Amino acid sequence: MKLSDYIGFGVFLGWGLWWLVFPNSVIRFYTRFHSGKVRLPRPLGVRLAGALWIVLVIMLAVFAKK
């Protein structure tokens, strides 16, 4: 893998870690764009989405390896 691949992997992994570790921060960030017009997710749901995102990024990195 090239350096740019590692940087991209780190960015996408960091995105998932943010969702997993700081779900309330993600919810506040999300509400700024929707201003209360949608139903807010629970922190557990955000954590689950973050964990699934991390698994997806790792699986893509493993299977995309040439």
PDB file of N, CA and C in Angstrom:
ATOM      1  N   MET A   1       0.835  -1.182   0.000  1.00  0.00           N
ATOM      2  CA  MET A   1       0.000   0.000   0.000  1.00  0.00           C
ATOM      3  C   MET A   1       0.879   1.244   0.000  1.00  0.00           C
ATOM      4  N   LYS A   2       0.377   2.262  -0.639  1.00  0.00           N
ATOM      5  CA  LYS A   2       1.097   3.527  -0.703  1.00  0.00           C
ATOM      6  C   LYS A   2       0.771   4.374   0.515  1.00  0.00           C
ATOM      7  N   LEU A   3       1.526   5.442   0.693  1.00  0.00           N
ATOM      8  CA  LEU A   3       1.297   6.352   1.812  1.00  0.00           C
ATOM      9  C   LEU A   3      -0.105   6.943   1.753  1.00  0.00           C
ATOM     10  N   SER A   4      -0.559   7.292   0.557  1.00  0.00           N
ATOM     11  CA  SER A   4      -1.900   7.876   0.424  1.00  0.00           C
ATOM     12  C   SER A   4      -2.987   6.873   0.829  1.00  0.00           C
ATOM     13  N   ASP A   5      -2.741   5.587   0.613  1.00  0.00           N
ATOM     14  CA  ASP A   5      -3.693   4.564   1.042  1.00  0.00           C
ATOM     15  C   ASP A   5      -3.793   4.519   2.570  1.00  0.00           C
ATOM     16  N   TYR A   6      -2.643   4.619   3.219  1.00  0.00           N
ATOM     17  CA  TYR A   6      -2.637   4.616   4.682  1.00  0.00           C
ATOM     18  C   TYR A   6      -3.322   5.865   5.245  1.00  0.00           C
ATOM     19  N   ILE A   7      -3.122   6.995   4.595  1.00  0.00           N
ATOM     20  CA  ILE A   7      -3.768   8.230   5.044  1.00  0.00           C
ATOM     21  C   ILE A   7      -5.273   8.108   4.899  1.00  0.00           C
ATOM     22  N   GLY A   8      -5.737   7.619   3.760  1.00  0.00           N
ATOM     23  CA  GLY A   8      -7.166   7.428   3.544  1.00  0.00           C
ATOM     24  C   GLY A   8      -7.754   6.436   4.522  1.00  0.00           C
ATOM     25  N   PHE A   9      -7.035   5.347   4.769  1.00  0.00           N
ATOM     26  CA  PHE A   9      -7.484   4.361   5.749  1.00  0.00           C
ATOM     27  C   PHE A   9      -7.620   4.992   7.125  1.00  0.00           C
ATOM     28  N   GLY A  10      -6.640   5.809   7.505  1.00  0.00           N
ATOM     29  CA  GLY A  10      -6.675   6.468   8.815  1.00  0.00           C
ATOM     30  C   GLY A  10      -7.834   7.445   8.942  1.00  0.00           C
ATOM     31  N   VAL A  11      -8.106   8.180   7.866  1.00  0.00           N
ATOM     32  CA  VAL A  11      -9.211   9.144   7.896  1.00  0.00           C
ATOM     33  C   VAL A  11     -10.542   8.425   8.044  1.00  0.00           C
ATOM     34  N   PHE A  12     -10.769   7.400   7.243  1.00  0.00           N
ATOM     35  CA  PHE A  12     -12.038   6.680   7.318  1.00  0.00           C
ATOM     36  C   PHE A  12     -12.177   5.892   8.613  1.00  0.00           C
ATOM     37  N   LEU A  13     -11.087   5.377   9.117  1.00  0.00           N
ATOM     38  CA  LEU A  13     -11.118   4.694  10.403  1.00  0.00           C
ATOM     39  C   LEU A  13     -11.398   5.695  11.523  1.00  0.00           C
ATOM     40  N   GLY A  14     -10.805   6.873  11.434  1.00  0.00           N
ATOM     41  CA  GLY A  14     -11.050   7.925  12.421  1.00  0.00           C
ATOM     42  C   GLY A  14     -12.497   8.367  12.440  1.00  0.00           C
ATOM     43  N   TRP A  15     -13.116   8.433  11.259  1.00  0.00           N
ATOM     44  CA  TRP A  15     -14.537   8.791  11.168  1.00  0.00           C
ATOM     45  C   TRP A  15     -15.383   7.793  11.966  1.00  0.00           C
ATOM     46  N   GLY A  16     -15.121   6.513  11.795  1.00  0.00           N
ATOM     47  CA  GLY A  16     -15.849   5.484  12.535  1.00  0.00           C
ATOM     48  C   GLY A  16     -15.558   5.522  14.022  1.00  0.00           C
ATOM     49  N   LEU A  17     -14.309   5.795  14.379  1.00  0.00           N
ATOM     50  CA  LEU A  17     -13.953   5.894  15.799  1.00  0.00           C
ATOM     51  C   LEU A  17     -14.651   7.071  16.464  1.00  0.00           C
ATOM     52  N   TRP A  18     -14.792   8.175  15.732  1.00  0.00           N
ATOM     53  CA  TRP A  18     -15.524   9.335  16.269  1.00  0.00           C
ATOM     54  C   TRP A  18     -16.957   8.930  16.590  1.00  0.00           C
ATOM     55  N   TRP A  19     -17.584   8.210  15.696  1.00  0.00           N
ATOM     56  CA  TRP A  19     -18.961   7.755  15.924  1.00  0.00           C
ATOM     57  C   TRP A  19     -19.025   6.776  17.096  1.00  0.00           C
ATOM     58  N   LEU A  20     -18.035   5.922  17.219  1.00  0.00           N
ATOM     59  CA  LEU A  20     -18.027   4.912  18.267  1.00  0.00           C
ATOM     60  C   LEU A  20     -17.744   5.501  19.644  1.00  0.00           C
ATOM     61  N   VAL A  21     -16.809   6.443  19.727  1.00  0.00           N
ATOM     62  CA  VAL A  21     -16.359   6.960  21.022  1.00  0.00           C
ATOM     63  C   VAL A  21     -17.167   8.169  21.491  1.00  0.00           C
ATOM     64  N   PHE A  22     -17.573   9.032  20.584  1.00  0.00           N
ATOM     65  CA  PHE A  22     -18.279  10.270  20.949  1.00  0.00           C
ATOM     66  C   PHE A  22     -19.643  10.369  20.254  1.00  0.00           C
ATOM     67  N   PRO A  23     -20.589   9.489  20.568  1.00  0.00           N
ATOM     68  CA  PRO A  23     -21.869   9.504  19.855  1.00  0.00           C
ATOM     69  C   PRO A  23     -22.683  10.781  20.075  1.00  0.00           C
ATOM     70  N   ASN A  24     -22.610  11.375  21.249  1.00  0.00           N
ATOM     71  CA  ASN A  24     -23.378  12.604  21.490  1.00  0.00           C
ATOM     72  C   ASN A  24     -22.844  13.769  20.666  1.00  0.00           C
ATOM     73  N   SER A  25     -21.544  13.806  20.453  1.00  0.00           N
ATOM     74  CA  SER A  25     -20.955  14.824  19.602  1.00  0.00           C
ATOM     75  C   SER A  25     -21.421  14.657  18.155  1.00  0.00           C
ATOM     76  N   VAL A  26     -21.524  13.419  17.706  1.00  0.00           N
ATOM     77  CA  VAL A  26     -22.010  13.135  16.353  1.00  0.00           C
ATOM     78  C   VAL A  26     -23.460  13.581  16.218  1.00  0.00           C
ATOM     79  N   ILE A  27     -24.266  13.318  17.224  1.00  0.00           N
ATOM     80  CA  ILE A  27     -25.680  13.698  17.188  1.00  0.00           C
ATOM     81  C   ILE A  27     -25.812  15.217  17.146  1.00  0.00           C
ATOM     82  N   ARG A  28     -25.025  15.937  17.948  1.00  0.00           N
ATOM     83  CA  ARG A  28     -25.066  17.408  17.919  1.00  0.00           C
ATOM     84  C   ARG A  28     -24.639  17.939  16.552  1.00  0.00           C
ATOM     85  N   PHE A  29     -23.602  17.350  15.981  1.00  0.00           N
ATOM     86  CA  PHE A  29     -23.139  17.760  14.662  1.00  0.00           C
ATOM     87  C   PHE A  29     -24.227  17.528  13.608  1.00  0.00           C
ATOM     88  N   TYR A  30     -24.878  16.398  13.688  1.00  0.00           N
ATOM     89  CA  TYR A  30     -25.929  16.029  12.741  1.00  0.00           C
ATOM     90  C   TYR A  30     -27.134  16.968  12.852  1.00  0.00           C
ATOM     91  N   THR A  31     -27.508  17.362  14.064  1.00  0.00           N
ATOM     92  CA  THR A  31     -28.682  18.219  14.247  1.00  0.00           C
ATOM     93  C   THR A  31     -28.441  19.633  13.709  1.00  0.00           C
ATOM     94  N   ARG A  32     -27.196  20.066  13.605  1.00  0.00           N
ATOM     95  CA  ARG A  32     -26.924  21.389  13.036  1.00  0.00           C
ATOM     96  C   ARG A  32     -27.367  21.484  11.584  1.00  0.00           C
ATOM     97  N   PHE A  33     -27.313  20.381  10.876  1.00  0.00           N
ATOM     98  CA  PHE A  33     -27.688  20.382   9.469  1.00  0.00           C
ATOM     99  C   PHE A  33     -29.174  20.128   9.238  1.00  0.00           C
ATOM    100  N   HIS A  34     -29.848  19.541  10.222  1.00  0.00           N
ATOM    101  CA  HIS A  34     -31.250  19.195  10.033  1.00  0.00           C
ATOM    102  C   HIS A  34     -32.195  19.968  10.941  1.00  0.00           C
ATOM    103  N   SER A  35     -31.687  20.735  11.832  1.00  0.00           N
ATOM    104  CA  SER A  35     -32.428  21.635  12.732  1.00  0.00           C
ATOM    105  C   SER A  35     -33.722  21.050  13.276  1.00  0.00           C
ATOM    106  N   GLY A  36     -33.645  19.849  13.807  1.00  0.00           N
ATOM    107  CA  GLY A  36     -34.786  19.251  14.490  1.00  0.00           C
ATOM    108  C   GLY A  36     -35.890  18.727  13.588  1.00  0.00           C
ATOM    109  N   LYS A  37     -35.659  18.633  12.299  1.00  0.00           N
ATOM    110  CA  LYS A  37     -36.687  18.175  11.374  1.00  0.00           C
ATOM    111  C   LYS A  37     -36.743  16.656  11.256  1.00  0.00           C
ATOM    112  N   VAL A  38     -35.758  15.970  11.773  1.00  0.00           N
ATOM    113  CA  VAL A  38     -35.732  14.515  11.717  1.00  0.00           C
ATOM    114  C   VAL A  38     -35.630  13.963  13.138  1.00  0.00           C
ATOM    115  N   ARG A  39     -35.984  12.712  13.280  1.00  0.00           N
ATOM    116  CA  ARG A  39     -35.901  12.059  14.583  1.00  0.00           C
ATOM    117  C   ARG A  39     -34.442  11.774  14.926  1.00  0.00           C
ATOM    118  N   LEU A  40     -34.040  12.122  16.119  1.00  0.00           N
ATOM    119  CA  LEU A  40     -32.652  11.939  16.534  1.00  0.00           C
ATOM    120  C   LEU A  40     -32.377  10.484  16.881  1.00  0.00           C
ATOM    121  N   PRO A  41     -31.220   9.970  16.473  1.00  0.00           N
ATOM    122  CA  PRO A  41     -30.854   8.605  16.857  1.00  0.00           C
ATOM    123  C   PRO A  41     -30.393   8.563  18.306  1.00  0.00           C
ATOM    124  N   ARG A  42     -30.417   7.399  18.864  1.00  0.00           N
ATOM    125  CA  ARG A  42     -29.898   7.209  20.223  1.00  0.00           C
ATOM    126  C   ARG A  42     -28.388   6.985  20.150  1.00  0.00           C
ATOM    127  N   PRO A  43     -27.684   7.301  21.225  1.00  0.00           N
ATOM    128  CA  PRO A  43     -26.224   7.084  21.214  1.00  0.00           C
ATOM    129  C   PRO A  43     -25.828   5.641  20.915  1.00  0.00           C
ATOM    130  N   LEU A  44     -26.620   4.684  21.359  1.00  0.00           N
ATOM    131  CA  LEU A  44     -26.300   3.281  21.082  1.00  0.00           C
ATOM    132  C   LEU A  44     -26.352   3.004  19.583  1.00  0.00           C
ATOM    133  N   GLY A  45     -27.333   3.587  18.903  1.00  0.00           N
ATOM    134  CA  GLY A  45     -27.431   3.409  17.460  1.00  0.00           C
ATOM    135  C   GLY A  45     -26.260   4.023  16.726  1.00  0.00           C
ATOM    136  N   VAL A  46     -25.800   5.171  17.199  1.00  0.00           N
ATOM    137  CA  VAL A  46     -24.643   5.827  16.585  1.00  0.00           C
ATOM    138  C   VAL A  46     -23.395   4.986  16.820  1.00  0.00           C
ATOM    139  N   ARG A  47     -23.252   4.437  18.014  1.00  0.00           N
ATOM    140  CA  ARG A  47     -22.096   3.574  18.311  1.00  0.00           C
ATOM    141  C   ARG A  47     -22.108   2.327  17.440  1.00  0.00           C
ATOM    142  N   LEU A  48     -23.278   1.743  17.259  1.00  0.00           N
ATOM    143  CA  LEU A  48     -23.394   0.560  16.414  1.00  0.00           C
ATOM    144  C   LEU A  48     -23.014   0.894  14.970  1.00  0.00           C
ATOM    145  N   ALA A  49     -23.498   2.027  14.472  1.00  0.00           N
ATOM    146  CA  ALA A  49     -23.142   2.458  13.116  1.00  0.00           C
ATOM    147  C   ALA A  49     -21.635   2.688  12.996  1.00  0.00           C
ATOM    148  N   GLY A  50     -21.017   3.270  14.023  1.00  0.00           N
ATOM    149  CA  GLY A  50     -19.573   3.474  14.016  1.00  0.00           C
ATOM    150  C   GLY A  50     -18.808   2.165  13.999  1.00  0.00           C
ATOM    151  N   ALA A  51     -19.266   1.207  14.788  1.00  0.00           N
ATOM    152  CA  ALA A  51     -18.601  -0.097  14.819  1.00  0.00           C
ATOM    153  C   ALA A  51     -18.727  -0.804  13.471  1.00  0.00           C
ATOM    154  N   LEU A  52     -19.908  -0.733  12.869  1.00  0.00           N
ATOM    155  CA  LEU A  52     -20.092  -1.349  11.554  1.00  0.00           C
ATOM    156  C   LEU A  52     -19.255  -0.649  10.492  1.00  0.00           C
ATOM    157  N   TRP A  53     -19.122   0.663  10.601  1.00  0.00           N
ATOM    158  CA  TRP A  53     -18.288   1.418   9.662  1.00  0.00           C
ATOM    159  C   TRP A  53     -16.826   0.974   9.769  1.00  0.00           C
ATOM    160  N   ILE A  54     -16.337   0.804  10.997  1.00  0.00           N
ATOM    161  CA  ILE A  54     -14.954   0.368  11.210  1.00  0.00           C
ATOM    162  C   ILE A  54     -14.734  -1.015  10.610  1.00  0.00           C
ATOM    163  N   VAL A  55     -15.681  -1.909  10.824  1.00  0.00           N
ATOM    164  CA  VAL A  55     -15.573  -3.258  10.248  1.00  0.00           C
ATOM    165  C   VAL A  55     -15.541  -3.173   8.722  1.00  0.00           C
ATOM    166  N   LEU A  56     -16.407  -2.345   8.147  1.00  0.00           N
ATOM    167  CA  LEU A  56     -16.438  -2.185   6.695  1.00  0.00           C
ATOM    168  C   LEU A  56     -15.110  -1.664   6.157  1.00  0.00           C
ATOM    169  N   VAL A  57     -14.553  -0.646   6.805  1.00  0.00           N
ATOM    170  CA  VAL A  57     -13.286  -0.069   6.341  1.00  0.00           C
ATOM    171  C   VAL A  57     -12.161  -1.092   6.440  1.00  0.00           C
ATOM    172  N   ILE A  58     -12.121  -1.844   7.515  1.00  0.00           N
ATOM    173  CA  ILE A  58     -11.073  -2.856   7.673  1.00  0.00           C
ATOM    174  C   ILE A  58     -11.227  -3.959   6.631  1.00  0.00           C
ATOM    175  N   MET A  59     -12.459  -4.394   6.397  1.00  0.00           N
ATOM    176  CA  MET A  59     -12.687  -5.446   5.399  1.00  0.00           C
ATOM    177  C   MET A  59     -12.299  -4.959   3.998  1.00  0.00           C
ATOM    178  N   LEU A  60     -12.643  -3.733   3.673  1.00  0.00           N
ATOM    179  CA  LEU A  60     -12.254  -3.188   2.366  1.00  0.00           C
ATOM    180  C   LEU A  60     -10.743  -3.092   2.232  1.00  0.00           C
ATOM    181  N   ALA A  61     -10.069  -2.711   3.302  1.00  0.00           N
ATOM    182  CA  ALA A  61      -8.610  -2.600   3.268  1.00  0.00           C
ATOM    183  C   ALA A  61      -7.966  -3.979   3.090  1.00  0.00           C
ATOM    184  N   VAL A  62      -8.528  -4.971   3.737  1.00  0.00           N
ATOM    185  CA  VAL A  62      -7.967  -6.306   3.637  1.00  0.00           C
ATOM    186  C   VAL A  62      -8.183  -6.875   2.238  1.00  0.00           C
ATOM    187  N   PHE A  63      -9.390  -6.746   1.704  1.00  0.00           N
ATOM    188  CA  PHE A  63      -9.701  -7.351   0.404  1.00  0.00           C
ATOM    189  C   PHE A  63      -9.207  -6.525  -0.777  1.00  0.00           C
ATOM    190  N   ALA A  64      -8.934  -5.251  -0.589  1.00  0.00           N
ATOM    191  CA  ALA A  64      -8.443  -4.422  -1.672  1.00  0.00           C
ATOM    192  C   ALA A  64      -6.927  -4.492  -1.804  1.00  0.00           C
ATOM    193  N   LYS A  65      -6.289  -5.142  -0.856  1.00  0.00           N
ATOM    194  CA  LYS A  65      -4.839  -5.246  -0.863  1.00  0.00           C
ATOM    195  C   LYS A  65      -4.392  -6.035  -2.098  1.00  0.00           C
ATOM    196  N   LYS A  66      -3.432  -5.470  -2.818  1.00  0.00           N
ATOM    197  CA  LYS A  66      -2.963  -6.138  -4.049  1.00  0.00           C
ATOM    198  C   LYS A  66      -1.614  -6.759  -3.852  1.00  0.00           C
TER     199      LYS A  66
END
